[in-house]
Amino acid sequence: MTMDEASMVGLMGRVTGTIGPGLVGEVIVRVRGGAEHFLAYPAAGTERIERGTMVTVVEYLPPRTVYVAAMYGG
């Protein structure tokens, strides 16, 4: 795991495009002094995460893909 990969895991973001099985969602994450959009998949493969939900980055696949889990129990 590189330093960039390690620094992404654990960051918080907000869903901007619904994430779920069969869907490629989108999240915005505050990183590198700004906010960036990433393609997103659910960390739990069957979970559906709606737009506006706060999430935590569980895994980062460079350059622009993250696996996320809903915060606060969904």
C-alpha atoms as a PDB file:
ATOM      1  CA  MET A   1       0.000   0.000   0.000  1.00  0.00           C
ATOM      2  CA  THR A   2       1.433   3.380  -0.991  1.00  0.00           C
ATOM      3  CA  MET A   3       1.226   6.511   1.119  1.00  0.00           C
ATOM      4  CA  ASP A   4      -1.583   7.916  -1.097  1.00  0.00           C
ATOM      5  CA  GLU A   5      -3.583   4.703  -0.709  1.00  0.00           C
ATOM      6  CA  ALA A   6      -3.140   4.725   3.061  1.00  0.00           C
ATOM      7  CA  SER A   7      -4.119   8.385   3.303  1.00  0.00           C
ATOM      8  CA  MET A   8      -7.420   7.794   1.423  1.00  0.00           C
ATOM      9  CA  VAL A   9      -8.654   4.977   3.668  1.00  0.00           C
ATOM     10  CA  GLY A  10     -10.735   6.354   6.520  1.00  0.00           C
ATOM     11  CA  LEU A  11     -11.591   9.657   4.842  1.00  0.00           C
ATOM     12  CA  MET A  12     -15.206  10.810   4.897  1.00  0.00           C
ATOM     13  CA  GLY A  13     -17.223  11.686   1.844  1.00  0.00           C
ATOM     14  CA  ARG A  14     -20.754  12.335   0.632  1.00  0.00           C
ATOM     15  CA  VAL A  15     -22.566  10.286  -1.999  1.00  0.00           C
ATOM     16  CA  THR A  16     -23.364  12.351  -5.103  1.00  0.00           C
ATOM     17  CA  GLY A  17     -24.599   9.436  -7.224  1.00  0.00           C
ATOM     18  CA  THR A  18     -26.425   6.425  -5.735  1.00  0.00           C
ATOM     19  CA  ILE A  19     -24.152   3.447  -4.979  1.00  0.00           C
ATOM     20  CA  GLY A  20     -25.386  -0.141  -5.093  1.00  0.00           C
ATOM     21  CA  PRO A  21     -25.301  -3.574  -6.698  1.00  0.00           C
ATOM     22  CA  GLY A  22     -25.049  -3.149 -10.466  1.00  0.00           C
ATOM     23  CA  LEU A  23     -24.495   0.606 -10.104  1.00  0.00           C
ATOM     24  CA  VAL A  24     -21.323   2.640 -10.328  1.00  0.00           C
ATOM     25  CA  GLY A  25     -21.927   5.438  -7.876  1.00  0.00           C
ATOM     26  CA  GLU A  26     -20.023   8.615  -7.156  1.00  0.00           C
ATOM     27  CA  VAL A  27     -18.737  10.280  -4.000  1.00  0.00           C
ATOM     28  CA  ILE A  28     -17.052  13.579  -3.254  1.00  0.00           C
ATOM     29  CA  VAL A  29     -14.186  13.358  -0.769  1.00  0.00           C
ATOM     30  CA  ARG A  30     -12.140  16.144   0.797  1.00  0.00           C
ATOM     31  CA  VAL A  31      -8.559  15.231  -0.048  1.00  0.00           C
ATOM     32  CA  ARG A  32      -5.280  16.917  -1.027  1.00  0.00           C
ATOM     33  CA  GLY A  33      -6.477  20.349   0.089  1.00  0.00           C
ATOM     34  CA  GLY A  34      -9.691  20.271  -1.934  1.00  0.00           C
ATOM     35  CA  ALA A  35     -12.678  18.127  -2.809  1.00  0.00           C
ATOM     36  CA  GLU A  36     -12.526  15.456  -5.514  1.00  0.00           C
ATOM     37  CA  HIS A  37     -15.037  13.097  -7.120  1.00  0.00           C
ATOM     38  CA  PHE A  38     -14.410   9.344  -7.201  1.00  0.00           C
ATOM     39  CA  LEU A  39     -16.254   6.397  -8.726  1.00  0.00           C
ATOM     40  CA  ALA A  40     -17.680   4.408  -5.822  1.00  0.00           C
ATOM     41  CA  TYR A  41     -18.796   0.890  -5.001  1.00  0.00           C
ATOM     42  CA  PRO A  42     -20.294  -0.435  -1.750  1.00  0.00           C
ATOM     43  CA  ALA A  43     -17.805  -2.168   0.562  1.00  0.00           C
ATOM     44  CA  ALA A  44     -20.638  -4.603   1.390  1.00  0.00           C
ATOM     45  CA  GLY A  45     -21.500  -5.780  -2.127  1.00  0.00           C
ATOM     46  CA  THR A  46     -25.280  -5.879  -1.589  1.00  0.00           C
ATOM     47  CA  GLU A  47     -25.611  -2.499   0.172  1.00  0.00           C
ATOM     48  CA  ARG A  48     -27.416   0.399  -1.519  1.00  0.00           C
ATOM     49  CA  ILE A  49     -26.248   3.855  -0.427  1.00  0.00           C
ATOM     50  CA  GLU A  50     -28.431   6.783  -1.435  1.00  0.00           C
ATOM     51  CA  ARG A  51     -27.377  10.225  -2.610  1.00  0.00           C
ATOM     52  CA  GLY A  52     -26.531  12.576   0.273  1.00  0.00           C
ATOM     53  CA  THR A  53     -25.380   9.800   2.640  1.00  0.00           C
ATOM     54  CA  MET A  54     -22.120  10.334   4.515  1.00  0.00           C
ATOM     55  CA  VAL A  55     -19.643   7.502   3.895  1.00  0.00           C
ATOM     56  CA  THR A  56     -16.183   6.342   4.934  1.00  0.00           C
ATOM     57  CA  VAL A  57     -13.578   5.188   2.404  1.00  0.00           C
ATOM     58  CA  VAL A  58     -12.750   1.541   3.138  1.00  0.00           C
ATOM     59  CA  GLU A  59     -10.527   0.815   0.131  1.00  0.00           C
ATOM     60  CA  TYR A  60      -8.905   2.953  -2.568  1.00  0.00           C
ATOM     61  CA  LEU A  61      -8.027   1.750  -6.069  1.00  0.00           C
ATOM     62  CA  PRO A  62      -5.952   4.389  -7.875  1.00  0.00           C
ATOM     63  CA  PRO A  63      -6.526   6.578  -9.625  1.00  0.00           C
ATOM     64  CA  ARG A  64     -10.263   7.334  -9.118  1.00  0.00           C
ATOM     65  CA  THR A  65     -12.127   4.412  -7.502  1.00  0.00           C
ATOM     66  CA  VAL A  66     -13.154   3.860  -3.887  1.00  0.00           C
ATOM     67  CA  TYR A  67     -15.104   1.287  -1.910  1.00  0.00           C
ATOM     68  CA  VAL A  68     -17.192   2.916   0.805  1.00  0.00           C
ATOM     69  CA  ALA A  69     -19.397   2.121   3.799  1.00  0.00           C
ATOM     70  CA  ALA A  70     -22.257   4.251   5.088  1.00  0.00           C
ATOM     71  CA  MET A  71     -21.552   6.113   8.310  1.00  0.00           C
ATOM     72  CA  TYR A  72     -23.922   6.258  11.264  1.00  0.00           C
ATOM     73  CA  GLY A  73     -25.588   2.945  10.419  1.00  0.00           C
ATOM     74  CA  GLY A  74     -26.732   4.023   6.985  1.00  0.00           C
END
